[in-house]
């Protein structure tokens, strides 16, 4: 490492240096909004965005939890007792998680010990049932990717109806992930397998 710079900062600095000589950056591609909206949105009409988001997340094999008590019951049903919780969420979830072993500092050396990770979602997309994770609201990103169970705490007011609306809001964010249900891959003989490159169980808790 150079001058106390961590590995992430060193890589990002190298990328920035490589881009500096470019006088003009490539423009973002344009798209026709009329053909980018999923059929479920037009069929839903004026349906509640929260209801549409929930239906799409469930269709993607995710779980919807309504409040801290439902979250605690879900973790008990899954047999998960040890995990990480974003410290800023403790005032909201603390009493419901009283019977769990909770840590508020994610220890990379004990990554296999965490049975669940609870982090904040910056938003949700009703059209796809996707959760939006950013570095600003999810500082312990590994806690959202490494444990078998990931629960994203989402404010229903932060649900966008379409991908287009979400991109318009978060398009300039330097680090953003759209998460749609548990991790999936079909690389091996075209067989869909869940929980290979990330959480095998993805849940959203409305709070």
N, C-alpha and C. Protein backbone atom coordinates (compact mmCIF):
# COMPACT_ATOMS: atom_id res chain seq x y z
N UNK A 1 0.83 -1.19 0.00
CA UNK A 1 0.00 0.00 0.00
C UNK A 1 0.87 1.25 0.00
N UNK A 2 0.34 2.34 -0.58
CA UNK A 2 1.12 3.56 -0.69
C UNK A 2 0.62 4.60 0.30
N UNK A 3 1.53 5.01 1.22
CA UNK A 3 1.21 6.11 2.12
C UNK A 3 -0.05 5.90 2.93
N UNK A 4 -0.29 4.70 3.39
CA UNK A 4 -1.47 4.43 4.20
C UNK A 4 -2.74 4.26 3.39
N UNK A 5 -2.65 4.32 2.07
CA UNK A 5 -3.83 4.16 1.22
C UNK A 5 -4.26 2.69 1.19
N UNK A 6 -5.56 2.44 1.43
CA UNK A 6 -6.00 1.05 1.41
C UNK A 6 -6.15 0.56 -0.03
N UNK A 7 -6.39 -0.73 -0.18
CA UNK A 7 -6.41 -1.34 -1.51
C UNK A 7 -7.49 -0.74 -2.40
N UNK A 8 -8.67 -0.49 -1.82
CA UNK A 8 -9.77 0.08 -2.62
C UNK A 8 -9.41 1.47 -3.12
N UNK A 9 -8.86 2.30 -2.24
CA UNK A 9 -8.48 3.66 -2.64
C UNK A 9 -7.38 3.64 -3.70
N UNK A 10 -6.45 2.67 -3.58
CA UNK A 10 -5.36 2.59 -4.55
C UNK A 10 -5.90 2.26 -5.94
N UNK A 11 -6.87 1.32 -6.01
CA UNK A 11 -7.43 0.93 -7.30
C UNK A 11 -8.22 2.09 -7.91
N UNK A 12 -9.06 2.75 -7.09
CA UNK A 12 -9.87 3.85 -7.60
C UNK A 12 -8.99 5.00 -8.06
N UNK A 13 -7.92 5.28 -7.33
CA UNK A 13 -7.00 6.34 -7.74
C UNK A 13 -6.35 6.03 -9.08
N UNK A 14 -6.01 4.77 -9.30
CA UNK A 14 -5.41 4.37 -10.57
C UNK A 14 -6.40 4.55 -11.72
N UNK A 15 -7.66 4.24 -11.47
CA UNK A 15 -8.69 4.42 -12.51
C UNK A 15 -8.86 5.89 -12.83
N UNK A 16 -8.90 6.73 -11.80
CA UNK A 16 -9.05 8.17 -12.03
C UNK A 16 -7.89 8.75 -12.82
N UNK A 17 -6.68 8.29 -12.52
CA UNK A 17 -5.51 8.77 -13.26
C UNK A 17 -5.58 8.37 -14.73
N UNK A 18 -6.09 7.17 -14.98
CA UNK A 18 -6.20 6.68 -16.34
C UNK A 18 -7.25 7.46 -17.14
N UNK A 19 -8.28 7.98 -16.45
CA UNK A 19 -9.35 8.71 -17.13
C UNK A 19 -9.04 10.18 -17.34
N UNK A 20 -8.11 10.72 -16.57
CA UNK A 20 -7.83 12.16 -16.63
C UNK A 20 -7.48 12.67 -18.03
N UNK A 21 -6.69 11.94 -18.84
CA UNK A 21 -6.32 12.46 -20.17
C UNK A 21 -7.48 12.53 -21.16
N UNK A 22 -8.59 11.87 -20.86
CA UNK A 22 -9.69 11.84 -21.81
C UNK A 22 -10.43 13.18 -21.78
N UNK A 23 -10.46 13.91 -22.89
CA UNK A 23 -11.08 15.24 -22.90
C UNK A 23 -12.60 15.18 -22.76
N UNK A 24 -13.22 14.16 -23.36
CA UNK A 24 -14.68 14.04 -23.34
C UNK A 24 -15.06 12.61 -22.98
N UNK A 25 -15.92 12.48 -22.01
CA UNK A 25 -16.40 11.14 -21.63
C UNK A 25 -17.55 10.73 -22.56
N UNK A 26 -17.68 9.46 -22.76
CA UNK A 26 -18.77 8.95 -23.60
C UNK A 26 -20.11 9.26 -22.94
N UNK A 27 -21.06 9.66 -23.76
CA UNK A 27 -22.39 9.98 -23.23
C UNK A 27 -23.13 8.70 -22.88
N UNK A 28 -24.01 8.80 -21.90
CA UNK A 28 -24.85 7.65 -21.57
C UNK A 28 -25.77 7.35 -22.74
N UNK A 29 -26.05 6.09 -23.00
CA UNK A 29 -26.95 5.76 -24.12
C UNK A 29 -28.37 6.25 -23.84
N UNK A 30 -29.06 6.62 -24.90
CA UNK A 30 -30.45 7.03 -24.76
C UNK A 30 -31.34 5.81 -24.98
N UNK A 31 -32.51 5.86 -24.36
CA UNK A 31 -33.44 4.76 -24.55
C UNK A 31 -34.86 5.30 -24.58
N UNK A 32 -35.73 4.53 -25.18
CA UNK A 32 -37.14 4.90 -25.27
C UNK A 32 -37.84 4.38 -24.03
N UNK A 33 -38.26 5.29 -23.17
CA UNK A 33 -38.88 4.88 -21.91
C UNK A 33 -40.12 4.02 -22.13
N UNK A 34 -40.79 4.23 -23.26
CA UNK A 34 -42.03 3.50 -23.51
C UNK A 34 -41.80 2.01 -23.69
N UNK A 35 -40.60 1.62 -24.10
CA UNK A 35 -40.36 0.19 -24.33
C UNK A 35 -39.50 -0.44 -23.24
N UNK A 36 -39.17 0.34 -22.20
CA UNK A 36 -38.34 -0.22 -21.14
C UNK A 36 -39.13 -0.59 -19.90
N UNK A 37 -40.40 -0.29 -19.88
CA UNK A 37 -41.22 -0.59 -18.71
C UNK A 37 -41.78 -2.00 -18.82
N UNK A 38 -41.64 -2.78 -17.74
CA UNK A 38 -42.10 -4.16 -17.75
C UNK A 38 -43.63 -4.22 -17.86
N UNK A 39 -44.11 -5.31 -18.41
CA UNK A 39 -45.56 -5.47 -18.61
C UNK A 39 -46.31 -5.39 -17.29
N UNK A 40 -45.69 -5.87 -16.21
CA UNK A 40 -46.39 -5.90 -14.93
C UNK A 40 -46.80 -4.50 -14.49
N UNK A 41 -46.02 -3.47 -14.88
CA UNK A 41 -46.33 -2.10 -14.48
C UNK A 41 -47.59 -1.62 -15.18
N UNK A 42 -47.67 -1.83 -16.50
CA UNK A 42 -48.86 -1.39 -17.24
C UNK A 42 -50.10 -2.17 -16.81
N UNK A 43 -49.92 -3.45 -16.49
CA UNK A 43 -51.05 -4.26 -16.05
C UNK A 43 -51.50 -3.88 -14.65
N UNK A 44 -50.57 -3.37 -13.83
CA UNK A 44 -50.91 -3.02 -12.45
C UNK A 44 -51.73 -1.74 -12.37
N UNK A 45 -51.67 -0.90 -13.42
CA UNK A 45 -52.42 0.34 -13.39
C UNK A 45 -52.00 1.23 -12.24
N UNK A 46 -52.96 1.61 -11.42
CA UNK A 46 -52.68 2.49 -10.29
C UNK A 46 -52.43 1.71 -9.00
N UNK A 47 -52.08 0.45 -9.12
CA UNK A 47 -51.83 -0.37 -7.93
C UNK A 47 -50.73 0.24 -7.06
N UNK A 48 -50.82 -0.01 -5.78
CA UNK A 48 -49.85 0.50 -4.82
C UNK A 48 -48.45 -0.01 -5.14
N UNK A 49 -47.46 0.89 -5.14
CA UNK A 49 -46.09 0.50 -5.46
C UNK A 49 -45.56 -0.55 -4.49
N UNK A 50 -45.92 -0.42 -3.22
CA UNK A 50 -45.47 -1.40 -2.22
C UNK A 50 -46.01 -2.78 -2.53
N UNK A 51 -47.27 -2.86 -2.93
CA UNK A 51 -47.88 -4.16 -3.26
C UNK A 51 -47.22 -4.76 -4.49
N UNK A 52 -46.95 -3.93 -5.50
CA UNK A 52 -46.32 -4.42 -6.72
C UNK A 52 -44.89 -4.87 -6.43
N UNK A 53 -44.16 -4.07 -5.66
CA UNK A 53 -42.80 -4.44 -5.28
C UNK A 53 -42.79 -5.78 -4.55
N UNK A 54 -43.69 -5.95 -3.59
CA UNK A 54 -43.75 -7.18 -2.81
C UNK A 54 -44.03 -8.38 -3.70
N UNK A 55 -44.98 -8.23 -4.62
CA UNK A 55 -45.32 -9.33 -5.52
C UNK A 55 -44.15 -9.71 -6.41
N UNK A 56 -43.42 -8.71 -6.90
CA UNK A 56 -42.28 -8.99 -7.78
C UNK A 56 -41.12 -9.60 -7.01
N UNK A 57 -40.89 -9.15 -5.77
CA UNK A 57 -39.82 -9.74 -4.97
C UNK A 57 -40.12 -11.20 -4.64
N UNK A 58 -41.36 -11.48 -4.29
CA UNK A 58 -41.76 -12.86 -4.00
C UNK A 58 -41.62 -13.73 -5.26
N UNK A 59 -41.97 -13.17 -6.41
CA UNK A 59 -41.83 -13.91 -7.68
C UNK A 59 -40.37 -14.24 -7.96
N UNK A 60 -39.45 -13.41 -7.42
CA UNK A 60 -38.02 -13.65 -7.60
C UNK A 60 -37.45 -14.50 -6.47
N UNK A 61 -38.34 -15.14 -5.70
CA UNK A 61 -37.97 -16.03 -4.59
C UNK A 61 -37.43 -15.28 -3.38
N UNK A 62 -37.82 -14.01 -3.26
CA UNK A 62 -37.47 -13.26 -2.07
C UNK A 62 -38.57 -13.33 -1.03
N UNK A 63 -38.34 -12.72 0.12
CA UNK A 63 -39.31 -12.74 1.22
C UNK A 63 -39.64 -11.31 1.62
N UNK A 64 -40.88 -11.07 1.96
CA UNK A 64 -41.33 -9.76 2.40
C UNK A 64 -41.75 -9.85 3.86
N UNK A 65 -41.19 -8.97 4.70
CA UNK A 65 -41.45 -8.97 6.13
C UNK A 65 -42.01 -7.61 6.52
N UNK A 66 -43.11 -7.63 7.23
CA UNK A 66 -43.76 -6.38 7.60
C UNK A 66 -43.49 -6.04 9.06
N UNK A 67 -42.34 -5.39 9.27
CA UNK A 67 -42.01 -4.90 10.60
C UNK A 67 -41.00 -5.74 11.35
N UNK A 68 -40.44 -5.19 12.43
CA UNK A 68 -39.40 -5.87 13.21
C UNK A 68 -39.82 -7.21 13.81
N UNK A 69 -41.05 -7.31 14.28
CA UNK A 69 -41.49 -8.57 14.87
C UNK A 69 -41.54 -9.69 13.83
N UNK A 70 -41.99 -9.35 12.63
CA UNK A 70 -42.01 -10.33 11.55
C UNK A 70 -40.59 -10.74 11.18
N UNK A 71 -39.66 -9.80 11.23
CA UNK A 71 -38.25 -10.09 10.96
C UNK A 71 -37.70 -11.08 11.97
N UNK A 72 -37.96 -10.84 13.25
CA UNK A 72 -37.46 -11.73 14.30
C UNK A 72 -38.04 -13.13 14.14
N UNK A 73 -39.32 -13.22 13.83
CA UNK A 73 -39.96 -14.52 13.65
C UNK A 73 -39.37 -15.26 12.45
N UNK A 74 -39.09 -14.51 11.39
CA UNK A 74 -38.50 -15.11 10.19
C UNK A 74 -37.12 -15.70 10.49
N UNK A 75 -36.27 -14.94 11.20
CA UNK A 75 -34.94 -15.44 11.53
C UNK A 75 -35.01 -16.68 12.42
N UNK A 76 -35.96 -16.71 13.35
CA UNK A 76 -36.13 -17.88 14.21
C UNK A 76 -36.54 -19.09 13.38
N UNK A 77 -37.46 -18.88 12.45
CA UNK A 77 -37.90 -19.98 11.58
C UNK A 77 -36.74 -20.53 10.75
N UNK A 78 -35.79 -19.66 10.40
CA UNK A 78 -34.64 -20.08 9.60
C UNK A 78 -33.53 -20.67 10.46
N UNK A 79 -33.69 -20.64 11.77
CA UNK A 79 -32.66 -21.16 12.67
C UNK A 79 -31.42 -20.31 12.72
N UNK A 80 -31.57 -19.02 12.43
CA UNK A 80 -30.43 -18.10 12.41
C UNK A 80 -30.41 -17.30 13.72
N UNK A 81 -29.30 -17.42 14.46
CA UNK A 81 -29.23 -16.74 15.75
C UNK A 81 -28.09 -15.75 15.88
N UNK A 82 -27.13 -15.80 14.95
CA UNK A 82 -25.95 -14.94 15.04
C UNK A 82 -25.83 -14.12 13.76
N UNK A 83 -25.66 -12.81 13.91
CA UNK A 83 -25.55 -12.01 12.71
C UNK A 83 -25.13 -10.58 12.95
N UNK A 84 -24.98 -9.89 11.84
CA UNK A 84 -24.59 -8.48 11.85
C UNK A 84 -25.82 -7.61 11.63
N UNK A 85 -25.86 -6.48 12.34
CA UNK A 85 -26.91 -5.48 12.14
C UNK A 85 -26.26 -4.11 12.02
N UNK A 86 -26.63 -3.37 11.00
CA UNK A 86 -26.14 -2.00 10.86
C UNK A 86 -26.47 -1.25 12.15
N UNK A 87 -25.46 -0.66 12.81
CA UNK A 87 -25.71 -0.01 14.10
C UNK A 87 -26.78 1.08 14.03
N UNK A 88 -26.95 1.73 12.88
CA UNK A 88 -27.97 2.76 12.77
C UNK A 88 -29.38 2.19 12.77
N UNK A 89 -29.50 0.85 12.56
CA UNK A 89 -30.81 0.22 12.57
C UNK A 89 -31.20 -0.32 13.94
N UNK A 90 -30.26 -0.36 14.87
CA UNK A 90 -30.56 -0.92 16.18
C UNK A 90 -31.71 -0.22 16.90
N UNK A 91 -31.79 1.11 16.89
CA UNK A 91 -32.94 1.75 17.55
C UNK A 91 -34.28 1.30 16.98
N UNK A 92 -34.28 0.91 15.71
CA UNK A 92 -35.50 0.49 15.04
C UNK A 92 -35.81 -0.99 15.28
N UNK A 93 -34.76 -1.81 15.39
CA UNK A 93 -34.93 -3.26 15.47
C UNK A 93 -34.53 -3.87 16.81
N UNK A 94 -33.83 -3.11 17.63
CA UNK A 94 -33.19 -3.65 18.82
C UNK A 94 -34.06 -4.52 19.69
N UNK A 95 -35.25 -4.06 20.06
CA UNK A 95 -36.09 -4.83 20.98
C UNK A 95 -36.55 -6.15 20.36
N UNK A 96 -36.82 -6.15 19.06
CA UNK A 96 -37.27 -7.37 18.39
C UNK A 96 -36.16 -8.40 18.29
N UNK A 97 -34.89 -7.93 18.29
CA UNK A 97 -33.74 -8.84 18.15
C UNK A 97 -33.09 -9.16 19.49
N UNK A 98 -33.82 -8.95 20.56
CA UNK A 98 -33.25 -9.14 21.90
C UNK A 98 -32.73 -10.55 22.13
N UNK A 99 -33.34 -11.53 21.52
CA UNK A 99 -32.93 -12.92 21.75
C UNK A 99 -31.85 -13.42 20.82
N UNK A 100 -31.28 -12.53 19.99
CA UNK A 100 -30.28 -12.93 19.02
C UNK A 100 -28.89 -12.42 19.43
N UNK A 101 -27.86 -13.10 18.93
CA UNK A 101 -26.49 -12.63 19.13
C UNK A 101 -26.18 -11.68 17.98
N UNK A 102 -26.16 -10.40 18.28
CA UNK A 102 -26.04 -9.38 17.25
C UNK A 102 -24.72 -8.64 17.40
N UNK A 103 -24.04 -8.41 16.27
CA UNK A 103 -22.82 -7.62 16.24
C UNK A 103 -23.04 -6.42 15.32
N UNK A 104 -22.48 -5.30 15.70
CA UNK A 104 -22.65 -4.08 14.90
C UNK A 104 -21.36 -3.66 14.19
N UNK A 105 -20.33 -4.47 14.29
CA UNK A 105 -19.08 -4.26 13.55
C UNK A 105 -18.78 -5.55 12.80
N UNK A 106 -18.79 -5.48 11.47
CA UNK A 106 -18.59 -6.70 10.68
C UNK A 106 -17.12 -7.08 10.67
N UNK A 107 -16.82 -8.25 11.21
CA UNK A 107 -15.46 -8.74 11.31
C UNK A 107 -15.18 -9.67 10.12
N UNK A 108 -14.36 -9.22 9.18
CA UNK A 108 -14.06 -10.02 7.99
C UNK A 108 -13.37 -11.35 8.34
N UNK A 109 -12.70 -11.39 9.47
CA UNK A 109 -12.02 -12.63 9.87
C UNK A 109 -12.99 -13.69 10.38
N UNK A 110 -14.25 -13.27 10.63
CA UNK A 110 -15.26 -14.20 11.12
C UNK A 110 -16.44 -14.26 10.16
N UNK A 111 -16.15 -14.08 8.90
CA UNK A 111 -17.22 -13.97 7.92
C UNK A 111 -18.13 -15.19 7.92
N UNK A 112 -17.59 -16.38 8.17
CA UNK A 112 -18.40 -17.60 8.14
C UNK A 112 -19.25 -17.76 9.39
N UNK A 113 -19.04 -16.93 10.39
CA UNK A 113 -19.80 -17.05 11.63
C UNK A 113 -21.16 -16.37 11.55
N UNK A 114 -21.31 -15.45 10.60
CA UNK A 114 -22.55 -14.69 10.50
C UNK A 114 -23.61 -15.47 9.73
N UNK A 115 -24.71 -15.75 10.40
CA UNK A 115 -25.81 -16.47 9.77
C UNK A 115 -26.77 -15.52 9.05
N UNK A 116 -26.74 -14.27 9.43
CA UNK A 116 -27.56 -13.28 8.75
C UNK A 116 -26.87 -11.92 8.79
N UNK A 117 -27.23 -11.08 7.84
CA UNK A 117 -26.77 -9.69 7.80
C UNK A 117 -27.97 -8.81 7.56
N UNK A 118 -28.10 -7.76 8.36
CA UNK A 118 -29.22 -6.83 8.22
C UNK A 118 -28.65 -5.45 7.92
N UNK A 119 -28.97 -4.94 6.75
CA UNK A 119 -28.47 -3.64 6.32
C UNK A 119 -29.63 -2.80 5.79
N UNK A 120 -29.35 -1.52 5.54
CA UNK A 120 -30.38 -0.63 5.02
C UNK A 120 -30.36 -0.63 3.49
N UNK A 121 -31.55 -0.61 2.90
CA UNK A 121 -31.67 -0.44 1.45
C UNK A 121 -31.94 1.03 1.17
N UNK A 122 -31.30 1.55 0.14
CA UNK A 122 -31.52 2.95 -0.23
C UNK A 122 -32.84 3.15 -0.96
N UNK A 123 -33.37 2.07 -1.51
CA UNK A 123 -34.64 2.15 -2.22
C UNK A 123 -35.05 0.80 -2.74
N UNK A 124 -36.18 0.77 -3.41
CA UNK A 124 -36.67 -0.45 -4.03
C UNK A 124 -37.29 -0.11 -5.37
N UNK A 125 -37.43 -1.10 -6.26
CA UNK A 125 -38.01 -0.90 -7.58
C UNK A 125 -39.21 -1.82 -7.72
N UNK A 126 -40.40 -1.24 -7.80
CA UNK A 126 -41.62 -2.03 -7.87
C UNK A 126 -41.67 -2.90 -9.12
N UNK A 127 -41.20 -2.36 -10.22
CA UNK A 127 -41.24 -3.04 -11.52
C UNK A 127 -40.56 -4.41 -11.48
N UNK A 128 -39.47 -4.51 -10.75
CA UNK A 128 -38.66 -5.73 -10.75
C UNK A 128 -38.56 -6.42 -9.39
N UNK A 129 -39.01 -5.75 -8.34
CA UNK A 129 -38.83 -6.31 -7.00
C UNK A 129 -37.39 -6.21 -6.54
N UNK A 130 -36.65 -5.25 -7.09
CA UNK A 130 -35.22 -5.10 -6.78
C UNK A 130 -35.01 -4.17 -5.59
N UNK A 131 -33.98 -4.48 -4.79
CA UNK A 131 -33.53 -3.62 -3.71
C UNK A 131 -32.32 -2.83 -4.19
N UNK A 132 -32.23 -1.59 -3.78
CA UNK A 132 -31.12 -0.72 -4.18
C UNK A 132 -30.19 -0.56 -3.00
N UNK A 133 -28.93 -0.98 -3.17
CA UNK A 133 -27.92 -0.86 -2.12
C UNK A 133 -26.84 0.10 -2.58
N UNK A 134 -26.51 1.08 -1.75
CA UNK A 134 -25.44 2.01 -2.05
C UNK A 134 -24.44 2.02 -0.91
N UNK A 135 -23.23 2.48 -1.20
CA UNK A 135 -22.21 2.56 -0.15
C UNK A 135 -22.63 3.51 0.96
N UNK A 136 -23.33 4.58 0.60
CA UNK A 136 -23.72 5.57 1.60
C UNK A 136 -24.64 5.00 2.66
N UNK A 137 -25.57 4.15 2.24
CA UNK A 137 -26.54 3.57 3.17
C UNK A 137 -26.18 2.15 3.59
N UNK A 138 -25.20 1.54 2.91
CA UNK A 138 -24.78 0.17 3.24
C UNK A 138 -23.27 0.15 3.38
N UNK A 139 -22.73 0.80 4.43
CA UNK A 139 -21.27 0.90 4.55
C UNK A 139 -20.58 -0.45 4.70
N UNK A 140 -21.23 -1.41 5.37
CA UNK A 140 -20.65 -2.75 5.51
C UNK A 140 -21.21 -3.61 4.38
N UNK A 141 -20.74 -3.36 3.17
CA UNK A 141 -21.29 -4.03 1.99
C UNK A 141 -21.16 -5.55 2.09
N UNK A 142 -20.07 -6.03 2.68
CA UNK A 142 -19.88 -7.48 2.79
C UNK A 142 -20.98 -8.12 3.62
N UNK A 143 -21.55 -7.37 4.55
CA UNK A 143 -22.63 -7.90 5.39
C UNK A 143 -23.89 -8.16 4.57
N UNK A 144 -24.00 -7.52 3.41
CA UNK A 144 -25.15 -7.73 2.54
C UNK A 144 -24.89 -8.82 1.51
N UNK A 145 -23.65 -9.26 1.39
CA UNK A 145 -23.29 -10.21 0.34
C UNK A 145 -22.80 -11.55 0.84
N UNK A 146 -22.22 -11.59 2.04
CA UNK A 146 -21.58 -12.82 2.50
C UNK A 146 -22.49 -13.76 3.29
N UNK A 147 -23.30 -13.28 4.25
CA UNK A 147 -24.14 -14.21 5.03
C UNK A 147 -25.16 -14.92 4.15
N UNK A 148 -25.57 -16.11 4.56
CA UNK A 148 -26.56 -16.87 3.80
C UNK A 148 -27.90 -16.12 3.74
N UNK A 149 -28.22 -15.41 4.83
CA UNK A 149 -29.47 -14.65 4.87
C UNK A 149 -29.14 -13.16 4.88
N UNK A 150 -29.69 -12.43 3.93
CA UNK A 150 -29.56 -10.97 3.94
C UNK A 150 -30.95 -10.36 4.05
N UNK A 151 -31.10 -9.45 5.00
CA UNK A 151 -32.35 -8.72 5.16
C UNK A 151 -32.06 -7.25 4.92
N UNK A 152 -32.77 -6.67 3.98
CA UNK A 152 -32.63 -5.24 3.69
C UNK A 152 -33.81 -4.51 4.30
N UNK A 153 -33.53 -3.54 5.15
CA UNK A 153 -34.59 -2.74 5.77
C UNK A 153 -34.93 -1.59 4.82
N UNK A 154 -36.20 -1.50 4.44
CA UNK A 154 -36.61 -0.55 3.41
C UNK A 154 -37.78 0.31 3.88
N UNK A 155 -37.65 1.60 3.67
CA UNK A 155 -38.75 2.53 3.90
C UNK A 155 -39.67 2.47 2.69
N UNK A 156 -40.94 2.11 2.86
CA UNK A 156 -41.85 2.01 1.71
C UNK A 156 -41.91 3.28 0.88
N UNK A 157 -41.63 4.44 1.49
CA UNK A 157 -41.65 5.70 0.75
C UNK A 157 -40.51 5.79 -0.27
N UNK A 158 -39.52 4.89 -0.16
CA UNK A 158 -38.36 4.92 -1.06
C UNK A 158 -38.49 3.93 -2.21
N UNK A 159 -39.71 3.50 -2.50
CA UNK A 159 -39.93 2.57 -3.61
C UNK A 159 -40.22 3.36 -4.88
N UNK A 160 -39.48 3.05 -5.94
CA UNK A 160 -39.69 3.66 -7.26
C UNK A 160 -40.51 2.69 -8.10
N UNK A 161 -41.39 3.22 -8.92
CA UNK A 161 -42.24 2.33 -9.70
C UNK A 161 -41.45 1.60 -10.79
N UNK A 162 -40.50 2.28 -11.45
CA UNK A 162 -39.79 1.69 -12.58
C UNK A 162 -38.28 1.78 -12.41
N UNK A 163 -37.59 0.96 -13.20
CA UNK A 163 -36.12 1.02 -13.24
C UNK A 163 -35.69 2.41 -13.72
N UNK A 164 -36.40 2.95 -14.70
CA UNK A 164 -36.07 4.27 -15.23
C UNK A 164 -36.07 5.32 -14.13
N UNK A 165 -37.08 5.31 -13.27
CA UNK A 165 -37.17 6.29 -12.19
C UNK A 165 -36.03 6.11 -11.20
N UNK A 166 -35.66 4.86 -10.93
CA UNK A 166 -34.55 4.60 -10.01
C UNK A 166 -33.23 5.07 -10.59
N UNK A 167 -33.01 4.80 -11.87
CA UNK A 167 -31.76 5.21 -12.53
C UNK A 167 -31.66 6.73 -12.57
N UNK A 168 -32.79 7.40 -12.80
CA UNK A 168 -32.79 8.86 -12.84
C UNK A 168 -32.38 9.45 -11.50
N UNK A 169 -32.68 8.72 -10.41
CA UNK A 169 -32.35 9.21 -9.07
C UNK A 169 -30.94 8.82 -8.65
N UNK A 170 -30.54 7.59 -8.94
CA UNK A 170 -29.26 7.07 -8.46
C UNK A 170 -28.21 6.96 -9.56
N UNK A 171 -28.51 7.45 -10.75
CA UNK A 171 -27.62 7.24 -11.89
C UNK A 171 -26.21 7.75 -11.72
N UNK A 172 -26.00 8.77 -10.90
CA UNK A 172 -24.65 9.31 -10.70
C UNK A 172 -23.97 8.77 -9.46
N UNK A 173 -24.62 7.84 -8.77
CA UNK A 173 -24.01 7.25 -7.58
C UNK A 173 -22.80 6.42 -8.01
N UNK A 174 -21.63 6.59 -7.36
CA UNK A 174 -20.42 5.89 -7.79
C UNK A 174 -20.42 4.39 -7.49
N UNK A 175 -21.28 3.96 -6.58
CA UNK A 175 -21.28 2.54 -6.23
C UNK A 175 -22.69 2.12 -5.84
N UNK A 176 -23.32 1.36 -6.70
CA UNK A 176 -24.71 0.98 -6.48
C UNK A 176 -24.94 -0.44 -6.96
N UNK A 177 -25.78 -1.17 -6.23
CA UNK A 177 -26.13 -2.55 -6.61
C UNK A 177 -27.64 -2.69 -6.60
N UNK A 178 -28.19 -3.30 -7.65
CA UNK A 178 -29.60 -3.68 -7.67
C UNK A 178 -29.66 -5.17 -7.33
N UNK A 179 -30.38 -5.52 -6.28
CA UNK A 179 -30.48 -6.91 -5.83
C UNK A 179 -31.90 -7.39 -6.04
N UNK A 180 -32.07 -8.45 -6.82
CA UNK A 180 -33.40 -8.99 -7.12
C UNK A 180 -33.47 -10.43 -6.64
N UNK A 181 -33.94 -10.62 -5.42
CA UNK A 181 -34.04 -11.96 -4.85
C UNK A 181 -32.68 -12.51 -4.48
N UNK A 182 -32.62 -13.80 -4.10
CA UNK A 182 -31.34 -14.41 -3.74
C UNK A 182 -30.41 -14.49 -4.93
N UNK A 183 -29.12 -14.66 -4.67
CA UNK A 183 -28.15 -14.77 -5.77
C UNK A 183 -28.47 -16.01 -6.60
N UNK A 184 -28.22 -15.90 -7.89
CA UNK A 184 -28.57 -16.99 -8.81
C UNK A 184 -27.48 -17.14 -9.87
N UNK A 185 -27.34 -18.35 -10.36
CA UNK A 185 -26.48 -18.60 -11.52
C UNK A 185 -27.03 -19.79 -12.28
N UNK A 186 -26.86 -19.74 -13.59
CA UNK A 186 -27.24 -20.87 -14.44
C UNK A 186 -26.06 -21.24 -15.34
N UNK A 187 -24.84 -20.94 -14.87
CA UNK A 187 -23.64 -21.19 -15.68
C UNK A 187 -23.39 -22.67 -15.91
N UNK A 188 -23.79 -23.50 -14.96
CA UNK A 188 -23.51 -24.93 -15.07
C UNK A 188 -24.66 -25.63 -15.77
N UNK A 189 -24.45 -25.96 -17.04
CA UNK A 189 -25.40 -26.71 -17.84
C UNK A 189 -26.79 -26.08 -17.87
N UNK A 190 -26.85 -24.77 -17.69
CA UNK A 190 -28.14 -24.09 -17.77
C UNK A 190 -29.08 -24.40 -16.64
N UNK A 191 -28.59 -24.94 -15.53
CA UNK A 191 -29.43 -25.27 -14.38
C UNK A 191 -29.38 -24.12 -13.39
N UNK A 192 -30.54 -23.57 -13.04
CA UNK A 192 -30.59 -22.43 -12.12
C UNK A 192 -30.33 -22.89 -10.69
N UNK A 193 -29.32 -22.27 -10.07
CA UNK A 193 -28.97 -22.58 -8.69
C UNK A 193 -28.95 -21.27 -7.91
N UNK A 194 -29.52 -21.28 -6.72
CA UNK A 194 -29.56 -20.08 -5.90
C UNK A 194 -28.57 -20.16 -4.75
N UNK A 195 -28.05 -19.00 -4.36
CA UNK A 195 -27.15 -18.94 -3.21
C UNK A 195 -25.73 -19.34 -3.51
N UNK A 196 -25.23 -19.04 -4.71
CA UNK A 196 -23.87 -19.43 -5.09
C UNK A 196 -22.90 -18.26 -4.93
N UNK A 197 -23.24 -17.11 -5.47
CA UNK A 197 -22.35 -15.95 -5.45
C UNK A 197 -22.74 -14.92 -4.39
N UNK A 198 -23.66 -15.28 -3.53
CA UNK A 198 -24.15 -14.34 -2.52
C UNK A 198 -25.21 -15.01 -1.67
N UNK A 199 -26.04 -14.22 -0.99
CA UNK A 199 -27.05 -14.80 -0.10
C UNK A 199 -27.98 -15.79 -0.80
N UNK A 200 -28.27 -16.86 -0.09
CA UNK A 200 -29.24 -17.84 -0.60
C UNK A 200 -30.65 -17.48 -0.22
N UNK A 201 -30.79 -16.59 0.76
CA UNK A 201 -32.11 -16.11 1.19
C UNK A 201 -32.06 -14.59 1.24
N UNK A 202 -32.93 -13.95 0.47
CA UNK A 202 -32.99 -12.48 0.44
C UNK A 202 -34.36 -12.04 0.93
N UNK A 203 -34.38 -11.17 1.91
CA UNK A 203 -35.65 -10.68 2.45
C UNK A 203 -35.62 -9.16 2.51
N UNK A 204 -36.81 -8.59 2.47
CA UNK A 204 -36.98 -7.14 2.64
C UNK A 204 -37.89 -6.93 3.84
N UNK A 205 -37.45 -6.09 4.76
CA UNK A 205 -38.26 -5.77 5.93
C UNK A 205 -38.71 -4.31 5.83
N UNK A 206 -40.02 -4.12 5.76
CA UNK A 206 -40.56 -2.77 5.71
C UNK A 206 -40.59 -2.18 7.11
N UNK A 207 -39.93 -1.05 7.28
CA UNK A 207 -39.90 -0.37 8.58
C UNK A 207 -39.98 1.14 8.37
